[in-house]
Amino acid sequence: MSVDEKFLRKLLSGLSDKNIRFEDLKKLLIDFGFQERVKGSHHIFFKSGVEEIINLQSLPDGKAKPYQVKQVRGLILKYKLHKGVIDV
C-alpha cells in the first residue's frame, strides 16, 4: 500500500485536526506498517521499532479526536516516518 501524500500533508500541517476522518487516520497508520488490534471502541496501533502505542477512538460523527490526531502527527515526525514519502 502507498501512503496518501495529500492526506499526509494535511495531517502534518496541523491546520485541520478537528476535520480528520477516523478511517483516513487508521489507513495512514496501516500504510506506515502499523498493526491494529481492536478492543471494543479502542483501535490500538503498534509497530516494531516504535516505542509508543497509539490508541484511537472515533467520535460519533466519524472524525478522529483532535488530540489523537496530534499524537499521530508527533509520532510520524519523531520517527521520521514521512521521509521518503514527502519532505517537510
PDB file of N, CA and C in Angstrom:
ATOM      1  N   MET A   1       0.840  -1.187   0.000  1.00  0.00           N
ATOM      2  CA  MET A   1       0.000   0.000   0.000  1.00  0.00           C
ATOM      3  C   MET A   1       0.876   1.239   0.000  1.00  0.00           C
ATOM      4  N   SER A   2       0.392   2.269  -0.616  1.00  0.00           N
ATOM      5  CA  SER A   2       1.163   3.502  -0.626  1.00  0.00           C
ATOM      6  C   SER A   2       0.462   4.555   0.224  1.00  0.00           C
ATOM      7  N   VAL A   3       1.248   5.405   0.796  1.00  0.00           N
ATOM      8  CA  VAL A   3       0.741   6.456   1.678  1.00  0.00           C
ATOM      9  C   VAL A   3       0.127   7.566   0.833  1.00  0.00           C
ATOM     10  N   ASP A   4      -1.035   8.055   1.236  1.00  0.00           N
ATOM     11  CA  ASP A   4      -1.726   9.154   0.567  1.00  0.00           C
ATOM     12  C   ASP A   4      -0.995  10.455   0.905  1.00  0.00           C
ATOM     13  N   GLU A   5      -0.216  10.954  -0.050  1.00  0.00           N
ATOM     14  CA  GLU A   5       0.615  12.143   0.189  1.00  0.00           C
ATOM     15  C   GLU A   5      -0.216  13.371   0.542  1.00  0.00           C
ATOM     16  N   LYS A   6      -1.340  13.549  -0.141  1.00  0.00           N
ATOM     17  CA  LYS A   6      -2.183  14.718   0.105  1.00  0.00           C
ATOM     18  C   LYS A   6      -2.716  14.697   1.547  1.00  0.00           C
ATOM     19  N   PHE A   7      -3.175  13.534   1.977  1.00  0.00           N
ATOM     20  CA  PHE A   7      -3.675  13.418   3.350  1.00  0.00           C
ATOM     21  C   PHE A   7      -2.550  13.613   4.359  1.00  0.00           C
ATOM     22  N   LEU A   8      -1.379  13.049   4.069  1.00  0.00           N
ATOM     23  CA  LEU A   8      -0.236  13.190   4.970  1.00  0.00           C
ATOM     24  C   LEU A   8       0.150  14.660   5.127  1.00  0.00           C
ATOM     25  N   ARG A   9       0.160  15.401   4.039  1.00  0.00           N
ATOM     26  CA  ARG A   9       0.460  16.844   4.120  1.00  0.00           C
ATOM     27  C   ARG A   9      -0.575  17.573   4.983  1.00  0.00           C
ATOM     28  N   LYS A  10      -1.852  17.220   4.795  1.00  0.00           N
ATOM     29  CA  LYS A  10      -2.923  17.835   5.587  1.00  0.00           C
ATOM     30  C   LYS A  10      -2.716  17.544   7.070  1.00  0.00           C
ATOM     31  N   LEU A  11      -2.394  16.302   7.391  1.00  0.00           N
ATOM     32  CA  LEU A  11      -2.177  15.908   8.778  1.00  0.00           C
ATOM     33  C   LEU A  11      -0.976  16.638   9.376  1.00  0.00           C
ATOM     34  N   LEU A  12       0.122  16.679   8.641  1.00  0.00           N
ATOM     35  CA  LEU A  12       1.344  17.292   9.163  1.00  0.00           C
ATOM     36  C   LEU A  12       1.245  18.810   9.270  1.00  0.00           C
ATOM     37  N   SER A  13       0.341  19.421   8.510  1.00  0.00           N
ATOM     38  CA  SER A  13       0.190  20.882   8.580  1.00  0.00           C
ATOM     39  C   SER A  13      -0.352  21.324   9.941  1.00  0.00           C
ATOM     40  N   GLY A  14      -1.143  20.470  10.585  1.00  0.00           N
ATOM     41  CA  GLY A  14      -1.705  20.817  11.882  1.00  0.00           C
ATOM     42  C   GLY A  14      -2.851  21.804  11.822  1.00  0.00           C
ATOM     43  N   LEU A  15      -3.349  22.082  10.640  1.00  0.00           N
ATOM     44  CA  LEU A  15      -4.404  23.080  10.486  1.00  0.00           C
ATOM     45  C   LEU A  15      -5.806  22.483  10.498  1.00  0.00           C
ATOM     46  N   SER A  16      -5.902  21.158  10.431  1.00  0.00           N
ATOM     47  CA  SER A  16      -7.216  20.519  10.289  1.00  0.00           C
ATOM     48  C   SER A  16      -7.458  19.421  11.315  1.00  0.00           C
ATOM     49  N   ASP A  17      -6.900  19.533  12.491  1.00  0.00           N
ATOM     50  CA  ASP A  17      -7.012  18.447  13.468  1.00  0.00           C
ATOM     51  C   ASP A  17      -8.459  18.075  13.791  1.00  0.00           C
ATOM     52  N   LYS A  18      -9.362  19.034  13.712  1.00  0.00           N
ATOM     53  CA  LYS A  18     -10.770  18.766  14.020  1.00  0.00           C
ATOM     54  C   LYS A  18     -11.514  18.151  12.833  1.00  0.00           C
ATOM     55  N   ASN A  19     -10.883  18.130  11.668  1.00  0.00           N
ATOM     56  CA  ASN A  19     -11.556  17.652  10.460  1.00  0.00           C
ATOM     57  C   ASN A  19     -10.870  16.455   9.822  1.00  0.00           C
ATOM     58  N   ILE A  20     -10.222  15.640  10.618  1.00  0.00           N
ATOM     59  CA  ILE A  20      -9.550  14.443  10.106  1.00  0.00           C
ATOM     60  C   ILE A  20     -10.489  13.254  10.317  1.00  0.00           C
ATOM     61  N   ARG A  21     -10.791  12.562   9.250  1.00  0.00           N
ATOM     62  CA  ARG A  21     -11.663  11.387   9.363  1.00  0.00           C
ATOM     63  C   ARG A  21     -10.910  10.245  10.042  1.00  0.00           C
ATOM     64  N   PHE A  22     -11.610   9.564  10.932  1.00  0.00           N
ATOM     65  CA  PHE A  22     -11.040   8.451  11.690  1.00  0.00           C
ATOM     66  C   PHE A  22     -10.512   7.365  10.749  1.00  0.00           C
ATOM     67  N   GLU A  23     -11.284   7.014   9.739  1.00  0.00           N
ATOM     68  CA  GLU A  23     -10.873   5.953   8.800  1.00  0.00           C
ATOM     69  C   GLU A  23      -9.615   6.341   8.036  1.00  0.00           C
ATOM     70  N   ASP A  24      -9.477   7.624   7.688  1.00  0.00           N
ATOM     71  CA  ASP A  24      -8.279   8.090   6.982  1.00  0.00           C
ATOM     72  C   ASP A  24      -7.047   7.986   7.877  1.00  0.00           C
ATOM     73  N   LEU A  25      -7.214   8.308   9.154  1.00  0.00           N
ATOM     74  CA  LEU A  25      -6.102   8.231  10.104  1.00  0.00           C
ATOM     75  C   LEU A  25      -5.677   6.774  10.311  1.00  0.00           C
ATOM     76  N   LYS A  26      -6.657   5.883  10.431  1.00  0.00           N
ATOM     77  CA  LYS A  26      -6.367   4.449  10.563  1.00  0.00           C
ATOM     78  C   LYS A  26      -5.612   3.933   9.335  1.00  0.00           C
ATOM     79  N   LYS A  27      -6.087   4.300   8.158  1.00  0.00           N
ATOM     80  CA  LYS A  27      -5.457   3.844   6.916  1.00  0.00           C
ATOM     81  C   LYS A  27      -4.010   4.326   6.833  1.00  0.00           C
ATOM     82  N   LEU A  28      -3.766   5.560   7.241  1.00  0.00           N
ATOM     83  CA  LEU A  28      -2.411   6.098   7.204  1.00  0.00           C
ATOM     84  C   LEU A  28      -1.477   5.275   8.088  1.00  0.00           C
ATOM     85  N   LEU A  29      -1.914   4.973   9.302  1.00  0.00           N
ATOM     86  CA  LEU A  29      -1.083   4.181  10.204  1.00  0.00           C
ATOM     87  C   LEU A  29      -0.814   2.790   9.630  1.00  0.00           C
ATOM     88  N   ILE A  30      -1.818   2.177   9.059  1.00  0.00           N
ATOM     89  CA  ILE A  30      -1.641   0.851   8.449  1.00  0.00           C
ATOM     90  C   ILE A  30      -0.686   0.944   7.262  1.00  0.00           C
ATOM     91  N   ASP A  31      -0.819   2.001   6.457  1.00  0.00           N
ATOM     92  CA  ASP A  31       0.082   2.199   5.316  1.00  0.00           C
ATOM     93  C   ASP A  31       1.524   2.396   5.769  1.00  0.00           C
ATOM     94  N   PHE A  32       1.716   2.940   6.958  1.00  0.00           N
ATOM     95  CA  PHE A  32       3.058   3.111   7.512  1.00  0.00           C
ATOM     96  C   PHE A  32       3.576   1.840   8.176  1.00  0.00           C
ATOM     97  N   GLY A  33       2.796   0.773   8.135  1.00  0.00           N
ATOM     98  CA  GLY A  33       3.257  -0.513   8.637  1.00  0.00           C
ATOM     99  C   GLY A  33       2.853  -0.845  10.062  1.00  0.00           C
ATOM    100  N   PHE A  34       1.949  -0.059  10.630  1.00  0.00           N
ATOM    101  CA  PHE A  34       1.469  -0.352  11.976  1.00  0.00           C
ATOM    102  C   PHE A  34       0.492  -1.521  11.927  1.00  0.00           C
ATOM    103  N   GLN A  35       0.469  -2.283  12.991  1.00  0.00           N
ATOM    104  CA  GLN A  35      -0.507  -3.350  13.141  1.00  0.00           C
ATOM    105  C   GLN A  35      -1.622  -2.823  14.024  1.00  0.00           C
ATOM    106  N   GLU A  36      -2.838  -3.310  13.779  1.00  0.00           N
ATOM    107  CA  GLU A  36      -4.007  -2.832  14.517  1.00  0.00           C
ATOM    108  C   GLU A  36      -4.609  -3.973  15.332  1.00  0.00           C
ATOM    109  N   ARG A  37      -4.990  -3.629  16.552  1.00  0.00           N
ATOM    110  CA  ARG A  37      -5.729  -4.549  17.415  1.00  0.00           C
ATOM    111  C   ARG A  37      -6.937  -3.768  17.918  1.00  0.00           C
ATOM    112  N   VAL A  38      -8.110  -4.373  17.876  1.00  0.00           N
ATOM    113  CA  VAL A  38      -9.336  -3.684  18.281  1.00  0.00           C
ATOM    114  C   VAL A  38      -9.881  -4.331  19.544  1.00  0.00           C
ATOM    115  N   LYS A  39     -10.140  -3.492  20.537  1.00  0.00           N
ATOM    116  CA  LYS A  39     -10.784  -3.928  21.783  1.00  0.00           C
ATOM    117  C   LYS A  39     -11.958  -2.995  22.022  1.00  0.00           C
ATOM    118  N   GLY A  40     -13.131  -3.428  21.664  1.00  0.00           N
ATOM    119  CA  GLY A  40     -14.313  -2.570  21.783  1.00  0.00           C
ATOM    120  C   GLY A  40     -14.205  -1.398  20.829  1.00  0.00           C
ATOM    121  N   SER A  41     -14.275  -0.193  21.372  1.00  0.00           N
ATOM    122  CA  SER A  41     -14.171   1.005  20.527  1.00  0.00           C
ATOM    123  C   SER A  41     -12.730   1.494  20.402  1.00  0.00           C
ATOM    124  N   HIS A  42     -11.794   0.809  21.056  1.00  0.00           N
ATOM    125  CA  HIS A  42     -10.387   1.209  21.040  1.00  0.00           C
ATOM    126  C   HIS A  42      -9.646   0.508  19.909  1.00  0.00           C
ATOM    127  N   HIS A  43      -9.020   1.290  19.063  1.00  0.00           N
ATOM    128  CA  HIS A  43      -8.182   0.773  17.985  1.00  0.00           C
ATOM    129  C   HIS A  43      -6.741   1.054  18.404  1.00  0.00           C
ATOM    130  N   ILE A  44      -6.008  -0.006  18.676  1.00  0.00           N
ATOM    131  CA  ILE A  44      -4.661   0.111  19.217  1.00  0.00           C
ATOM    132  C   ILE A  44      -3.665  -0.219  18.113  1.00  0.00           C
ATOM    133  N   PHE A  45      -2.724   0.694  17.884  1.00  0.00           N
ATOM    134  CA  PHE A  45      -1.741   0.538  16.810  1.00  0.00           C
ATOM    135  C   PHE A  45      -0.347   0.434  17.400  1.00  0.00           C
ATOM    136  N   PHE A  46       0.425  -0.494  16.854  1.00  0.00           N
ATOM    137  CA  PHE A  46       1.795  -0.686  17.309  1.00  0.00           C
ATOM    138  C   PHE A  46       2.653  -1.101  16.128  1.00  0.00           C
ATOM    139  N   LYS A  47       3.955  -0.840  16.260  1.00  0.00           N
ATOM    140  CA  LYS A  47       4.890  -1.147  15.177  1.00  0.00           C
ATOM    141  C   LYS A  47       6.255  -1.438  15.775  1.00  0.00           C
ATOM    142  N   SER A  48       6.920  -2.414  15.230  1.00  0.00           N
ATOM    143  CA  SER A  48       8.276  -2.730  15.643  1.00  0.00           C
ATOM    144  C   SER A  48       9.170  -1.516  15.390  1.00  0.00           C
ATOM    145  N   GLY A  49       9.989  -1.173  16.368  1.00  0.00           N
ATOM    146  CA  GLY A  49      10.875  -0.024  16.226  1.00  0.00           C
ATOM    147  C   GLY A  49      10.270   1.281  16.704  1.00  0.00           C
ATOM    148  N   VAL A  50       8.983   1.257  17.054  1.00  0.00           N
ATOM    149  CA  VAL A  50       8.308   2.441  17.574  1.00  0.00           C
ATOM    150  C   VAL A  50       7.910   2.134  19.017  1.00  0.00           C
ATOM    151  N   GLU A  51       8.451   2.914  19.937  1.00  0.00           N
ATOM    152  CA  GLU A  51       8.226   2.691  21.367  1.00  0.00           C
ATOM    153  C   GLU A  51       6.770   2.854  21.780  1.00  0.00           C
ATOM    154  N   GLU A  52       6.153   3.905  21.298  1.00  0.00           N
ATOM    155  CA  GLU A  52       4.802   4.251  21.714  1.00  0.00           C
ATOM    156  C   GLU A  52       3.752   3.346  21.062  1.00  0.00           C
ATOM    157  N   ILE A  53       2.658   3.218  21.778  1.00  0.00           N
ATOM    158  CA  ILE A  53       1.466   2.554  21.257  1.00  0.00           C
ATOM    159  C   ILE A  53       0.415   3.640  21.094  1.00  0.00           C
ATOM    160  N   ILE A  54      -0.272   3.641  19.966  1.00  0.00           N
ATOM    161  CA  ILE A  54      -1.294   4.651  19.712  1.00  0.00           C
ATOM    162  C   ILE A  54      -2.672   4.026  19.907  1.00  0.00           C
ATOM    163  N   ASN A  55      -3.489   4.677  20.702  1.00  0.00           N
ATOM    164  CA  ASN A  55      -4.845   4.226  20.986  1.00  0.00           C
ATOM    165  C   ASN A  55      -5.803   5.252  20.385  1.00  0.00           C
ATOM    166  N   LEU A  56      -6.598   4.841  19.391  1.00  0.00           N
ATOM    167  CA  LEU A  56      -7.525   5.754  18.733  1.00  0.00           C
ATOM    168  C   LEU A  56      -8.961   5.352  18.988  1.00  0.00           C
ATOM    169  N   GLN A  57      -9.822   6.357  19.080  1.00  0.00           N
ATOM    170  CA  GLN A  57     -11.258   6.153  19.175  1.00  0.00           C
ATOM    171  C   GLN A  57     -11.929   7.166  18.263  1.00  0.00           C
ATOM    172  N   SER A  58     -12.993   6.724  17.640  1.00  0.00           N
ATOM    173  CA  SER A  58     -13.738   7.588  16.735  1.00  0.00           C
ATOM    174  C   SER A  58     -14.755   8.423  17.503  1.00  0.00           C
ATOM    175  N   LEU A  59     -14.973   9.631  17.030  1.00  0.00           N
ATOM    176  CA  LEU A  59     -16.073  10.445  17.539  1.00  0.00           C
ATOM    177  C   LEU A  59     -17.366   9.965  16.870  1.00  0.00           C
ATOM    178  N   PRO A  60     -18.525  10.313  17.434  1.00  0.00           N
ATOM    179  CA  PRO A  60     -19.795   9.869  16.832  1.00  0.00           C
ATOM    180  C   PRO A  60     -19.987  10.289  15.369  1.00  0.00           C
ATOM    181  N   ASP A  61     -19.367  11.392  14.960  1.00  0.00           N
ATOM    182  CA  ASP A  61     -19.522  11.873  13.580  1.00  0.00           C
ATOM    183  C   ASP A  61     -18.526  11.228  12.610  1.00  0.00           C
ATOM    184  N   GLY A  62     -17.733  10.264  13.096  1.00  0.00           N
ATOM    185  CA  GLY A  62     -16.788   9.561  12.217  1.00  0.00           C
ATOM    186  C   GLY A  62     -15.433  10.243  12.108  1.00  0.00           C
ATOM    187  N   LYS A  63     -15.237  11.303  12.856  1.00  0.00           N
ATOM    188  CA  LYS A  63     -13.955  12.001  12.832  1.00  0.00           C
ATOM    189  C   LYS A  63     -13.069  11.502  13.963  1.00  0.00           C
ATOM    190  N   ALA A  64     -11.787  11.738  13.817  1.00  0.00           N
ATOM    191  CA  ALA A  64     -10.819  11.366  14.850  1.00  0.00           C
ATOM    192  C   ALA A  64     -10.799  12.457  15.912  1.00  0.00           C
ATOM    193  N   LYS A  65     -10.463  12.068  17.127  1.00  0.00           N
ATOM    194  CA  LYS A  65     -10.333  13.050  18.198  1.00  0.00           C
ATOM    195  C   LYS A  65      -9.099  13.908  17.927  1.00  0.00           C
ATOM    196  N   PRO A  66      -9.246  15.238  17.999  1.00  0.00           N
ATOM    197  CA  PRO A  66      -8.128  16.126  17.665  1.00  0.00           C
ATOM    198  C   PRO A  66      -6.844  15.847  18.445  1.00  0.00           C
ATOM    199  N   TYR A  67      -6.939  15.525  19.730  1.00  0.00           N
ATOM    200  CA  TYR A  67      -5.716  15.270  20.498  1.00  0.00           C
ATOM    201  C   TYR A  67      -5.031  13.992  20.026  1.00  0.00           C
ATOM    202  N   GLN A  68      -5.800  13.044  19.506  1.00  0.00           N
ATOM    203  CA  GLN A  68      -5.204  11.818  18.983  1.00  0.00           C
ATOM    204  C   GLN A  68      -4.547  12.073  17.622  1.00  0.00           C
ATOM    205  N   VAL A  69      -5.126  12.977  16.837  1.00  0.00           N
ATOM    206  CA  VAL A  69      -4.508  13.377  15.572  1.00  0.00           C
ATOM    207  C   VAL A  69      -3.143  13.989  15.860  1.00  0.00           C
ATOM    208  N   LYS A  70      -3.091  14.825  16.893  1.00  0.00           N
ATOM    209  CA  LYS A  70      -1.832  15.470  17.286  1.00  0.00           C
ATOM    210  C   LYS A  70      -0.807  14.424  17.734  1.00  0.00           C
ATOM    211  N   GLN A  71      -1.247  13.396  18.451  1.00  0.00           N
ATOM    212  CA  GLN A  71      -0.347  12.326  18.879  1.00  0.00           C
ATOM    213  C   GLN A  71       0.227  11.587  17.680  1.00  0.00           C
ATOM    214  N   VAL A  72      -0.614  11.294  16.693  1.00  0.00           N
ATOM    215  CA  VAL A  72      -0.146  10.596  15.494  1.00  0.00           C
ATOM    216  C   VAL A  72       0.855  11.464  14.743  1.00  0.00           C
ATOM    217  N   ARG A  73       0.563  12.764  14.608  1.00  0.00           N
ATOM    218  CA  ARG A  73       1.489  13.680  13.925  1.00  0.00           C
ATOM    219  C   ARG A  73       2.840  13.698  14.636  1.00  0.00           C
ATOM    220  N   GLY A  74       2.820  13.773  15.964  1.00  0.00           N
ATOM    221  CA  GLY A  74       4.059  13.772  16.739  1.00  0.00           C
ATOM    222  C   GLY A  74       4.862  12.498  16.527  1.00  0.00           C
ATOM    223  N   LEU A  75       4.164  11.383  16.448  1.00  0.00           N
ATOM    224  CA  LEU A  75       4.817  10.097  16.232  1.00  0.00           C
ATOM    225  C   LEU A  75       5.461  10.031  14.842  1.00  0.00           C
ATOM    226  N   ILE A  76       4.734  10.499  13.840  1.00  0.00           N
ATOM    227  CA  ILE A  76       5.257  10.499  12.467  1.00  0.00           C
ATOM    228  C   ILE A  76       6.510  11.359  12.385  1.00  0.00           C
ATOM    229  N   LEU A  77       6.483  12.524  13.026  1.00  0.00           N
ATOM    230  CA  LEU A  77       7.639  13.410  12.986  1.00  0.00           C
ATOM    231  C   LEU A  77       8.798  12.872  13.827  1.00  0.00           C
ATOM    232  N   LYS A  78       8.507  12.332  15.004  1.00  0.00           N
ATOM    233  CA  LYS A  78       9.554  11.809  15.883  1.00  0.00           C
ATOM    234  C   LYS A  78      10.345  10.692  15.217  1.00  0.00           C
ATOM    235  N   TYR A  79       9.645   9.787  14.568  1.00  0.00           N
ATOM    236  CA  TYR A  79      10.303   8.634  13.937  1.00  0.00           C
ATOM    237  C   TYR A  79      10.582   8.850  12.454  1.00  0.00           C
ATOM    238  N   LYS A  80      10.312  10.082  11.986  1.00  0.00           N
ATOM    239  CA  LYS A  80      10.582  10.452  10.588  1.00  0.00           C
ATOM    240  C   LYS A  80       9.953   9.472   9.601  1.00  0.00           C
ATOM    241  N   LEU A  81       8.731   9.059   9.890  1.00  0.00           N
ATOM    242  CA  LEU A  81       8.030   8.115   9.027  1.00  0.00           C
ATOM    243  C   LEU A  81       7.675   8.729   7.675  1.00  0.00           C
ATOM    244  N   HIS A  82       7.609  10.055   7.620  1.00  0.00           N
ATOM    245  CA  HIS A  82       7.237  10.741   6.390  1.00  0.00           C
ATOM    246  C   HIS A  82       8.400  10.810   5.387  1.00  0.00           C
ATOM    247  N   LYS A  83       9.630  10.568   5.844  1.00  0.00           N
ATOM    248  CA  LYS A  83      10.785  10.639   4.945  1.00  0.00           C
ATOM    249  C   LYS A  83      10.626   9.585   3.832  1.00  0.00           C
ATOM    250  N   GLY A  84      10.914   9.983   2.639  1.00  0.00           N
ATOM    251  CA  GLY A  84      10.747   9.085   1.507  1.00  0.00           C
ATOM    252  C   GLY A  84       9.368   9.180   0.889  1.00  0.00           C
ATOM    253  N   VAL A  85       8.439   9.786   1.631  1.00  0.00           N
ATOM    254  CA  VAL A  85       7.089  10.000   1.102  1.00  0.00           C
ATOM    255  C   VAL A  85       6.960  11.455   0.700  1.00  0.00           C
ATOM    256  N   ILE A  86       7.215  12.344   1.683  1.00  0.00           N
ATOM    257  CA  ILE A  86       7.244  13.785   1.422  1.00  0.00           C
ATOM    258  C   ILE A  86       8.349  14.400   2.255  1.00  0.00           C
ATOM    259  N   ASP A  87       8.813  15.557   1.856  1.00  0.00           N
ATOM    260  CA  ASP A  87       9.795  16.298   2.635  1.00  0.00           C
ATOM    261  C   ASP A  87       9.077  17.442   3.322  1.00  0.00           C
ATOM    262  N   VAL A  88       9.329  17.595   4.606  1.00  0.00           N
ATOM    263  CA  VAL A  88       8.669  18.652   5.376  1.00  0.00           C
ATOM    264  C   VAL A  88       9.703  19.661   5.801  1.00  0.00           C
TER     265      VAL A  88
END
